N, C-alpha and C. Protein backbone atom coordinates (compact mmCIF):
# COMPACT_ATOMS: atom_id res chain seq x y z
N MET A 1 -5.45 -4.25 1.65
CA MET A 1 -5.45 -5.34 2.58
C MET A 1 -5.32 -4.79 3.98
N THR A 2 -6.26 -5.10 4.85
CA THR A 2 -6.21 -4.64 6.23
C THR A 2 -6.11 -5.85 7.12
N VAL A 3 -5.14 -5.83 8.06
CA VAL A 3 -4.91 -6.92 8.94
C VAL A 3 -5.12 -6.39 10.36
N SER A 4 -5.89 -7.10 11.16
CA SER A 4 -6.20 -6.63 12.51
C SER A 4 -4.91 -6.80 13.34
N PRO A 5 -4.77 -5.96 14.35
CA PRO A 5 -3.56 -6.04 15.19
C PRO A 5 -3.60 -7.27 16.12
N THR A 6 -4.65 -8.05 16.11
CA THR A 6 -4.77 -9.16 17.02
C THR A 6 -3.66 -10.19 16.86
N PRO A 7 -3.34 -10.66 15.59
CA PRO A 7 -2.34 -11.71 15.47
C PRO A 7 -1.02 -11.40 16.10
N PRO A 8 -0.40 -10.17 15.92
CA PRO A 8 0.85 -9.90 16.65
C PRO A 8 0.69 -9.99 18.16
N VAL A 9 -0.46 -9.55 18.66
CA VAL A 9 -0.72 -9.63 20.10
C VAL A 9 -0.75 -11.09 20.55
N LEU A 10 -1.40 -11.92 19.76
CA LEU A 10 -1.41 -13.38 20.09
C LEU A 10 -0.02 -13.96 20.04
N ILE A 11 0.78 -13.54 19.07
CA ILE A 11 2.15 -14.05 19.00
C ILE A 11 2.92 -13.66 20.24
N MET A 12 2.80 -12.40 20.68
CA MET A 12 3.52 -11.93 21.85
C MET A 12 3.03 -12.69 23.10
N ALA A 13 1.72 -12.96 23.19
CA ALA A 13 1.20 -13.67 24.33
C ALA A 13 1.74 -15.10 24.36
N THR A 14 1.85 -15.70 23.18
CA THR A 14 2.45 -17.05 23.08
C THR A 14 3.90 -17.03 23.54
N ALA A 15 4.62 -15.97 23.16
CA ALA A 15 6.01 -15.87 23.61
C ALA A 15 6.08 -15.78 25.12
N ALA A 16 5.21 -15.01 25.72
CA ALA A 16 5.21 -14.88 27.18
C ALA A 16 4.88 -16.22 27.85
N LEU A 17 3.98 -16.99 27.30
CA LEU A 17 3.64 -18.26 27.87
C LEU A 17 4.82 -19.24 27.75
N LEU A 18 5.55 -19.18 26.62
CA LEU A 18 6.69 -20.04 26.43
C LEU A 18 7.77 -19.75 27.47
N CYS A 19 7.91 -18.48 27.82
CA CYS A 19 8.93 -18.10 28.78
C CYS A 19 8.53 -18.34 30.21
N HIS A 20 7.27 -18.19 30.52
CA HIS A 20 6.85 -18.19 31.90
C HIS A 20 5.77 -19.28 32.20
N GLY A 21 5.73 -20.32 31.36
CA GLY A 21 4.75 -21.38 31.57
C GLY A 21 5.12 -22.19 32.81
N ASP A 22 4.40 -23.26 33.06
CA ASP A 22 4.68 -24.12 34.22
C ASP A 22 5.98 -24.86 33.96
N ARG A 23 6.94 -24.57 34.78
CA ARG A 23 8.26 -25.22 34.65
C ARG A 23 8.64 -25.71 36.06
N PRO A 24 9.50 -26.65 36.09
CA PRO A 24 9.96 -27.08 37.42
C PRO A 24 10.63 -25.92 38.11
N LYS A 25 10.56 -25.90 39.43
CA LYS A 25 11.06 -24.77 40.20
C LYS A 25 12.56 -24.84 40.48
N THR A 26 13.23 -25.70 39.75
CA THR A 26 14.66 -25.79 39.92
C THR A 26 15.34 -24.71 39.10
N ALA A 27 16.60 -24.44 39.38
CA ALA A 27 17.33 -23.41 38.68
C ALA A 27 17.48 -23.83 37.23
N PRO A 28 17.20 -22.89 36.28
CA PRO A 28 17.28 -23.24 34.88
C PRO A 28 18.73 -23.39 34.41
N ASP A 29 18.91 -24.30 33.49
CA ASP A 29 20.20 -24.48 32.87
C ASP A 29 20.41 -23.29 31.91
N TRP A 30 21.61 -22.85 31.63
CA TRP A 30 21.87 -21.76 30.77
C TRP A 30 21.34 -21.98 29.35
N ARG A 31 21.31 -23.27 28.93
CA ARG A 31 20.78 -23.62 27.61
C ARG A 31 19.28 -23.32 27.52
N ASP A 32 18.55 -23.57 28.64
CA ASP A 32 17.13 -23.27 28.67
C ASP A 32 16.87 -21.75 28.49
N THR A 33 17.70 -20.97 29.15
CA THR A 33 17.54 -19.52 29.05
C THR A 33 17.81 -19.04 27.63
N VAL A 34 18.85 -19.57 26.99
CA VAL A 34 19.14 -19.20 25.61
C VAL A 34 17.99 -19.63 24.66
N ARG A 35 17.45 -20.84 24.87
CA ARG A 35 16.36 -21.32 24.07
C ARG A 35 15.13 -20.40 24.22
N GLN A 36 14.84 -20.01 25.44
CA GLN A 36 13.68 -19.15 25.66
C GLN A 36 13.88 -17.79 25.00
N GLN A 37 15.07 -17.23 25.11
CA GLN A 37 15.34 -15.96 24.47
C GLN A 37 15.24 -16.04 22.95
N LEU A 38 15.72 -17.14 22.36
CA LEU A 38 15.61 -17.35 20.93
C LEU A 38 14.14 -17.49 20.51
N ARG A 39 13.32 -18.16 21.30
CA ARG A 39 11.90 -18.31 20.98
C ARG A 39 11.21 -16.92 20.97
N VAL A 40 11.52 -16.16 22.00
CA VAL A 40 10.89 -14.82 22.06
C VAL A 40 11.33 -13.97 20.90
N LEU A 41 12.63 -13.98 20.62
CA LEU A 41 13.18 -13.18 19.50
C LEU A 41 12.55 -13.61 18.16
N THR A 42 12.43 -14.89 17.95
CA THR A 42 11.80 -15.40 16.71
C THR A 42 10.34 -14.99 16.61
N LEU A 43 9.61 -15.09 17.69
CA LEU A 43 8.20 -14.69 17.66
C LEU A 43 8.05 -13.17 17.49
N CYS A 44 8.93 -12.39 18.08
CA CYS A 44 8.86 -10.93 17.89
C CYS A 44 9.14 -10.55 16.42
N ILE A 45 10.11 -11.18 15.82
CA ILE A 45 10.44 -10.93 14.43
C ILE A 45 9.25 -11.34 13.55
N ALA A 46 8.65 -12.51 13.83
CA ALA A 46 7.48 -12.92 13.08
C ALA A 46 6.34 -11.95 13.22
N ALA A 47 6.11 -11.41 14.41
CA ALA A 47 5.02 -10.41 14.63
C ALA A 47 5.30 -9.17 13.85
N LEU A 48 6.52 -8.67 13.79
CA LEU A 48 6.82 -7.48 13.03
C LEU A 48 6.70 -7.70 11.51
N LEU A 49 7.14 -8.87 11.04
CA LEU A 49 6.99 -9.16 9.61
C LEU A 49 5.54 -9.31 9.21
N PHE A 50 4.76 -9.87 10.11
CA PHE A 50 3.34 -10.09 9.84
C PHE A 50 2.57 -8.75 9.77
N ALA A 51 2.92 -7.84 10.61
CA ALA A 51 2.19 -6.55 10.69
C ALA A 51 2.65 -5.55 9.61
N HIS A 52 3.86 -5.66 9.09
CA HIS A 52 4.39 -4.68 8.16
C HIS A 52 3.59 -4.48 6.87
N PRO A 53 3.21 -5.53 6.12
CA PRO A 53 2.52 -5.29 4.84
C PRO A 53 1.20 -4.57 4.99
N ALA A 54 0.49 -4.75 6.08
CA ALA A 54 -0.77 -4.05 6.28
C ALA A 54 -0.58 -2.53 6.33
N ALA A 55 0.46 -2.10 6.99
CA ALA A 55 0.75 -0.66 7.08
C ALA A 55 1.10 -0.09 5.72
N ALA A 56 1.83 -0.86 4.92
CA ALA A 56 2.22 -0.33 3.59
C ALA A 56 1.03 -0.11 2.67
N ASP A 57 0.11 -1.07 2.64
CA ASP A 57 -1.04 -1.00 1.76
C ASP A 57 -2.01 0.11 2.15
N ASP A 58 -2.23 0.27 3.45
CA ASP A 58 -3.22 1.25 3.89
C ASP A 58 -2.75 2.68 3.74
N ALA A 59 -1.41 2.90 3.62
CA ALA A 59 -0.88 4.24 3.61
C ALA A 59 -1.06 4.96 2.30
N ASN A 60 -1.33 4.27 1.18
CA ASN A 60 -1.37 4.91 -0.12
C ASN A 60 -2.85 5.17 -0.54
N PRO A 61 -3.28 6.43 -0.52
CA PRO A 61 -4.66 6.74 -0.89
C PRO A 61 -4.90 6.68 -2.39
N LEU A 62 -3.86 6.54 -3.21
CA LEU A 62 -4.05 6.49 -4.65
C LEU A 62 -4.57 5.15 -5.18
N ILE A 63 -4.40 4.08 -4.41
CA ILE A 63 -4.78 2.75 -4.87
C ILE A 63 -6.26 2.75 -5.22
N GLY A 64 -6.56 2.32 -6.45
CA GLY A 64 -7.92 2.26 -6.92
C GLY A 64 -8.04 2.86 -8.31
N GLN A 65 -9.31 3.02 -8.78
CA GLN A 65 -9.54 3.55 -10.11
C GLN A 65 -10.02 5.00 -10.00
N TRP A 66 -9.57 5.82 -10.98
CA TRP A 66 -9.89 7.25 -11.01
C TRP A 66 -10.37 7.61 -12.41
N VAL A 67 -11.34 8.52 -12.47
CA VAL A 67 -11.95 8.92 -13.75
C VAL A 67 -11.65 10.36 -14.08
N ASP A 68 -11.23 10.61 -15.28
CA ASP A 68 -11.05 11.96 -15.80
C ASP A 68 -12.14 12.15 -16.85
N GLN A 69 -13.23 12.81 -16.50
CA GLN A 69 -14.40 13.01 -17.38
C GLN A 69 -14.06 14.10 -18.37
N LEU A 70 -14.14 13.78 -19.67
CA LEU A 70 -13.79 14.73 -20.72
C LEU A 70 -15.09 15.46 -21.21
N PRO A 71 -14.93 16.67 -21.76
CA PRO A 71 -16.12 17.48 -22.14
C PRO A 71 -17.00 16.81 -23.20
N ASN A 72 -16.42 15.95 -24.05
CA ASN A 72 -17.24 15.33 -25.10
C ASN A 72 -18.01 14.07 -24.64
N GLY A 73 -17.96 13.80 -23.35
CA GLY A 73 -18.68 12.63 -22.82
C GLY A 73 -17.80 11.40 -22.66
N ALA A 74 -16.62 11.39 -23.24
CA ALA A 74 -15.67 10.32 -23.08
C ALA A 74 -14.99 10.44 -21.71
N ALA A 75 -14.24 9.44 -21.35
CA ALA A 75 -13.55 9.48 -20.07
C ALA A 75 -12.24 8.71 -20.19
N MET A 76 -11.26 9.12 -19.39
CA MET A 76 -10.00 8.39 -19.23
C MET A 76 -10.03 7.76 -17.82
N ILE A 77 -9.78 6.48 -17.74
CA ILE A 77 -9.76 5.78 -16.48
C ILE A 77 -8.29 5.49 -16.14
N THR A 78 -7.91 5.81 -14.96
CA THR A 78 -6.54 5.53 -14.49
C THR A 78 -6.67 4.66 -13.22
N GLU A 79 -5.92 3.55 -13.22
CA GLU A 79 -5.99 2.65 -12.07
C GLU A 79 -4.60 2.48 -11.49
N PHE A 80 -4.49 2.70 -10.19
CA PHE A 80 -3.24 2.49 -9.45
C PHE A 80 -3.37 1.24 -8.59
N THR A 81 -2.37 0.39 -8.66
CA THR A 81 -2.22 -0.68 -7.69
C THR A 81 -0.95 -0.39 -6.93
N ALA A 82 -0.54 -1.29 -6.07
CA ALA A 82 0.64 -1.05 -5.25
C ALA A 82 1.93 -0.92 -6.11
N ASP A 83 1.91 -1.51 -7.32
CA ASP A 83 3.12 -1.48 -8.15
C ASP A 83 2.91 -1.23 -9.64
N THR A 84 1.65 -0.88 -10.05
CA THR A 84 1.42 -0.61 -11.47
C THR A 84 0.45 0.59 -11.65
N ILE A 85 0.52 1.16 -12.83
CA ILE A 85 -0.49 2.13 -13.29
C ILE A 85 -1.03 1.60 -14.59
N SER A 86 -2.37 1.66 -14.70
CA SER A 86 -3.06 1.26 -15.96
C SER A 86 -3.96 2.39 -16.36
N PHE A 87 -4.11 2.59 -17.65
CA PHE A 87 -5.06 3.63 -18.08
C PHE A 87 -5.68 3.18 -19.39
N TRP A 88 -6.93 3.61 -19.59
CA TRP A 88 -7.69 3.29 -20.81
C TRP A 88 -8.74 4.34 -21.01
N ALA A 89 -9.23 4.44 -22.24
CA ALA A 89 -10.28 5.38 -22.60
C ALA A 89 -11.63 4.67 -22.68
N VAL A 90 -12.66 5.43 -22.39
CA VAL A 90 -14.05 4.95 -22.58
C VAL A 90 -14.73 6.01 -23.40
N ASN A 91 -15.23 5.63 -24.61
CA ASN A 91 -15.86 6.61 -25.48
C ASN A 91 -17.28 6.92 -24.97
N PRO A 92 -17.92 7.96 -25.54
CA PRO A 92 -19.26 8.34 -25.05
C PRO A 92 -20.30 7.21 -25.12
N ALA A 93 -20.07 6.27 -26.06
CA ALA A 93 -21.01 5.12 -26.16
C ALA A 93 -20.74 4.03 -25.11
N GLY A 94 -19.60 4.16 -24.40
CA GLY A 94 -19.29 3.20 -23.33
C GLY A 94 -18.24 2.16 -23.74
N ALA A 95 -17.77 2.20 -24.98
CA ALA A 95 -16.77 1.22 -25.42
C ALA A 95 -15.41 1.54 -24.84
N LYS A 96 -14.76 0.50 -24.33
CA LYS A 96 -13.48 0.66 -23.64
C LYS A 96 -12.33 0.33 -24.60
N SER A 97 -11.31 1.15 -24.57
CA SER A 97 -10.09 0.88 -25.37
C SER A 97 -9.21 -0.14 -24.63
N GLU A 98 -8.14 -0.54 -25.30
CA GLU A 98 -7.19 -1.47 -24.67
C GLU A 98 -6.44 -0.73 -23.57
N ALA A 99 -6.21 -1.44 -22.47
CA ALA A 99 -5.51 -0.83 -21.31
C ALA A 99 -4.01 -0.84 -21.55
N ASN A 100 -3.37 0.23 -21.11
CA ASN A 100 -1.88 0.33 -21.07
C ASN A 100 -1.47 0.21 -19.64
N THR A 101 -0.49 -0.62 -19.35
CA THR A 101 -0.04 -0.85 -17.97
C THR A 101 1.48 -0.71 -17.93
N ALA A 102 1.94 -0.09 -16.86
CA ALA A 102 3.39 0.10 -16.61
C ALA A 102 3.68 -0.05 -15.15
N PRO A 103 4.85 -0.65 -14.82
CA PRO A 103 5.30 -0.71 -13.42
C PRO A 103 5.63 0.67 -12.88
N ILE A 104 5.29 0.89 -11.61
CA ILE A 104 5.58 2.21 -10.98
C ILE A 104 6.08 2.02 -9.56
N THR A 105 6.61 3.09 -9.03
CA THR A 105 6.92 3.16 -7.57
C THR A 105 6.39 4.53 -7.10
N PHE A 106 6.07 4.55 -5.79
CA PHE A 106 5.52 5.77 -5.20
C PHE A 106 6.50 6.31 -4.20
N GLU A 107 6.51 7.64 -4.04
CA GLU A 107 7.28 8.30 -2.99
C GLU A 107 6.45 9.45 -2.44
N THR A 108 6.18 9.43 -1.12
CA THR A 108 5.41 10.50 -0.51
C THR A 108 6.33 11.70 -0.21
N SER A 109 5.88 12.90 -0.60
CA SER A 109 6.68 14.08 -0.33
C SER A 109 6.21 14.72 0.98
N PRO A 110 7.03 15.58 1.59
CA PRO A 110 6.69 16.20 2.86
C PRO A 110 5.40 17.09 2.79
N ASP A 111 5.07 17.60 1.61
CA ASP A 111 3.88 18.44 1.49
C ASP A 111 2.58 17.62 1.31
N GLY A 112 2.70 16.32 1.38
CA GLY A 112 1.52 15.46 1.26
C GLY A 112 1.26 14.94 -0.14
N GLY A 113 2.01 15.40 -1.12
CA GLY A 113 1.86 14.90 -2.47
C GLY A 113 2.50 13.54 -2.61
N VAL A 114 2.19 12.86 -3.69
CA VAL A 114 2.77 11.56 -3.95
C VAL A 114 3.43 11.66 -5.31
N THR A 115 4.73 11.35 -5.37
CA THR A 115 5.47 11.32 -6.62
C THR A 115 5.36 9.92 -7.21
N ILE A 116 5.08 9.82 -8.51
CA ILE A 116 4.88 8.52 -9.13
C ILE A 116 5.97 8.36 -10.20
N PHE A 117 6.81 7.39 -10.01
CA PHE A 117 7.88 7.09 -10.93
C PHE A 117 7.45 5.92 -11.83
N ILE A 118 7.38 6.19 -13.11
CA ILE A 118 6.98 5.15 -14.08
C ILE A 118 8.22 4.46 -14.61
N SER A 119 8.28 3.16 -14.48
CA SER A 119 9.45 2.35 -14.86
C SER A 119 9.70 2.53 -16.38
N GLY A 120 10.95 2.77 -16.74
CA GLY A 120 11.30 2.89 -18.14
C GLY A 120 11.09 4.27 -18.75
N GLN A 121 10.57 5.19 -17.96
CA GLN A 121 10.31 6.56 -18.46
C GLN A 121 11.36 7.47 -17.87
N ASP A 122 12.08 8.18 -18.76
CA ASP A 122 13.18 9.03 -18.30
C ASP A 122 12.70 10.43 -17.93
N ASP A 123 11.46 10.79 -18.29
CA ASP A 123 10.95 12.11 -18.04
C ASP A 123 10.79 12.33 -16.52
N THR A 124 10.42 13.56 -16.19
CA THR A 124 10.11 13.91 -14.79
C THR A 124 8.90 13.10 -14.38
N PRO A 125 8.88 12.59 -13.15
CA PRO A 125 7.77 11.80 -12.69
C PRO A 125 6.47 12.62 -12.54
N LEU A 126 5.35 11.91 -12.47
CA LEU A 126 4.05 12.54 -12.20
C LEU A 126 3.98 12.89 -10.73
N THR A 127 3.17 13.84 -10.38
CA THR A 127 2.91 14.17 -8.99
C THR A 127 1.38 14.09 -8.81
N ALA A 128 0.95 13.46 -7.71
CA ALA A 128 -0.47 13.37 -7.39
C ALA A 128 -0.69 14.12 -6.07
N VAL A 129 -1.68 15.00 -6.07
CA VAL A 129 -2.01 15.76 -4.88
C VAL A 129 -3.47 15.43 -4.52
N MET A 130 -3.69 14.85 -3.35
CA MET A 130 -5.02 14.54 -2.94
C MET A 130 -5.78 15.79 -2.62
N ARG A 131 -6.98 15.94 -3.19
CA ARG A 131 -7.85 17.12 -2.94
C ARG A 131 -9.09 16.71 -2.19
N GLY A 132 -8.99 15.65 -1.42
CA GLY A 132 -10.11 15.08 -0.68
C GLY A 132 -10.01 13.59 -0.81
N ALA A 133 -10.92 12.87 -0.12
CA ALA A 133 -10.86 11.42 -0.18
C ALA A 133 -11.15 10.87 -1.57
N ASP A 134 -11.96 11.59 -2.35
CA ASP A 134 -12.37 11.06 -3.66
C ASP A 134 -11.94 11.94 -4.82
N THR A 135 -10.99 12.83 -4.63
CA THR A 135 -10.51 13.68 -5.70
C THR A 135 -8.97 13.71 -5.64
N VAL A 136 -8.35 13.61 -6.80
CA VAL A 136 -6.89 13.72 -6.87
C VAL A 136 -6.56 14.61 -8.07
N GLU A 137 -5.51 15.35 -7.94
CA GLU A 137 -5.02 16.19 -9.03
C GLU A 137 -3.68 15.62 -9.51
N LEU A 138 -3.65 15.18 -10.78
CA LEU A 138 -2.41 14.68 -11.35
C LEU A 138 -1.69 15.80 -12.07
N VAL A 139 -0.46 15.99 -11.71
CA VAL A 139 0.36 17.08 -12.29
C VAL A 139 1.38 16.43 -13.22
N PHE A 140 1.24 16.69 -14.49
CA PHE A 140 2.11 16.14 -15.53
C PHE A 140 3.20 17.15 -15.81
N PRO A 141 4.43 16.68 -15.98
CA PRO A 141 5.55 17.63 -16.24
C PRO A 141 5.33 18.32 -17.60
N GLY A 142 5.35 19.65 -17.59
CA GLY A 142 5.22 20.41 -18.83
C GLY A 142 3.83 20.48 -19.42
N MET A 143 2.81 19.97 -18.71
CA MET A 143 1.44 19.97 -19.22
C MET A 143 0.50 20.47 -18.11
N ALA A 144 -0.75 20.72 -18.50
CA ALA A 144 -1.72 21.11 -17.53
C ALA A 144 -2.08 19.92 -16.62
N SER A 145 -2.39 20.24 -15.40
CA SER A 145 -2.77 19.18 -14.47
C SER A 145 -4.21 18.73 -14.75
N ARG A 146 -4.55 17.53 -14.30
CA ARG A 146 -5.87 16.99 -14.50
C ARG A 146 -6.46 16.59 -13.18
N ARG A 147 -7.77 16.89 -12.97
CA ARG A 147 -8.44 16.56 -11.74
C ARG A 147 -9.27 15.28 -11.98
N LEU A 148 -9.07 14.23 -11.18
CA LEU A 148 -9.75 12.96 -11.36
C LEU A 148 -10.58 12.67 -10.14
N THR A 149 -11.67 11.95 -10.30
CA THR A 149 -12.52 11.55 -9.16
C THR A 149 -12.44 10.03 -9.03
N ARG A 150 -12.61 9.59 -7.79
CA ARG A 150 -12.49 8.12 -7.52
C ARG A 150 -13.70 7.44 -8.22
N ARG A 151 -13.39 6.36 -8.87
CA ARG A 151 -14.46 5.57 -9.57
C ARG A 151 -15.07 4.61 -8.55
N PRO A 152 -16.38 4.62 -8.45
CA PRO A 152 -17.03 3.69 -7.50
C PRO A 152 -16.67 2.27 -7.84
N THR A 153 -16.48 1.42 -6.83
CA THR A 153 -16.19 0.01 -7.05
C THR A 153 -17.44 -0.68 -7.56
N GLU A 154 -17.24 -1.60 -8.46
CA GLU A 154 -18.39 -2.28 -9.05
C GLU A 154 -18.68 -3.55 -8.32
């Protein structure tokens, strides 16, 4: 989900108009000043809350479907959403198996990798290392890593 930065700018402009609109030129009562400050504070908080989810969704390059092509012509499909992982097999004839889904959380490491914590699993978490915009290497604890390519959207 991508949100343009325009709405927070419009909210801030509205706050400025509320504070500096056409008002009588008499000295403001202290209650008017407090009301204006509360309006600005409320609009600023609304602008920050409105802009926050867009930044969270755009920051994770793993979101989407990934294919692990197997030598026998079959494939494993792995799909990441913001809070789940799903995976299923596709045999060489194109038949799809039942999908397995589990809740997950992500944590970005300083080296650019993404640690994936699968809910209810006590083992060491998976690690994903981006090898380009359309390639990811999944590192499984105690097993060989697998290189997956981004699945084109249908």
